[in-house]
Amino acid sequence: MTLSSREKTIIITSHLVSLYSEMIEEGKIPQNQSVIDFLMKNIPQEYKSDLSIDLIDDVFTFIASRPMELS
């Protein structure tokens, strides 16, 4: 099975949101940099056309509604 461009964009967005949170906590990026700015600066160019505020919101909603459990 091959992932669609939208599916790849969702995966990359999820990873970047996680990375953003980690880097904010560690003080590696300024507190005033928004997650949207971070995503736009770091998502590969070929996936920017699939990125939208709705997709980002969907990813945030999904992540926030699922507690992470490590085994």
Foldseek 3Di string as FASTA:
>chain_A
DDDDLLRVLLVVLLVLVVVVVVCVVVVVDDPPQDSVNSCVVPPDPVNVVSDDPVSNVVSVVVVVVDDDDDD
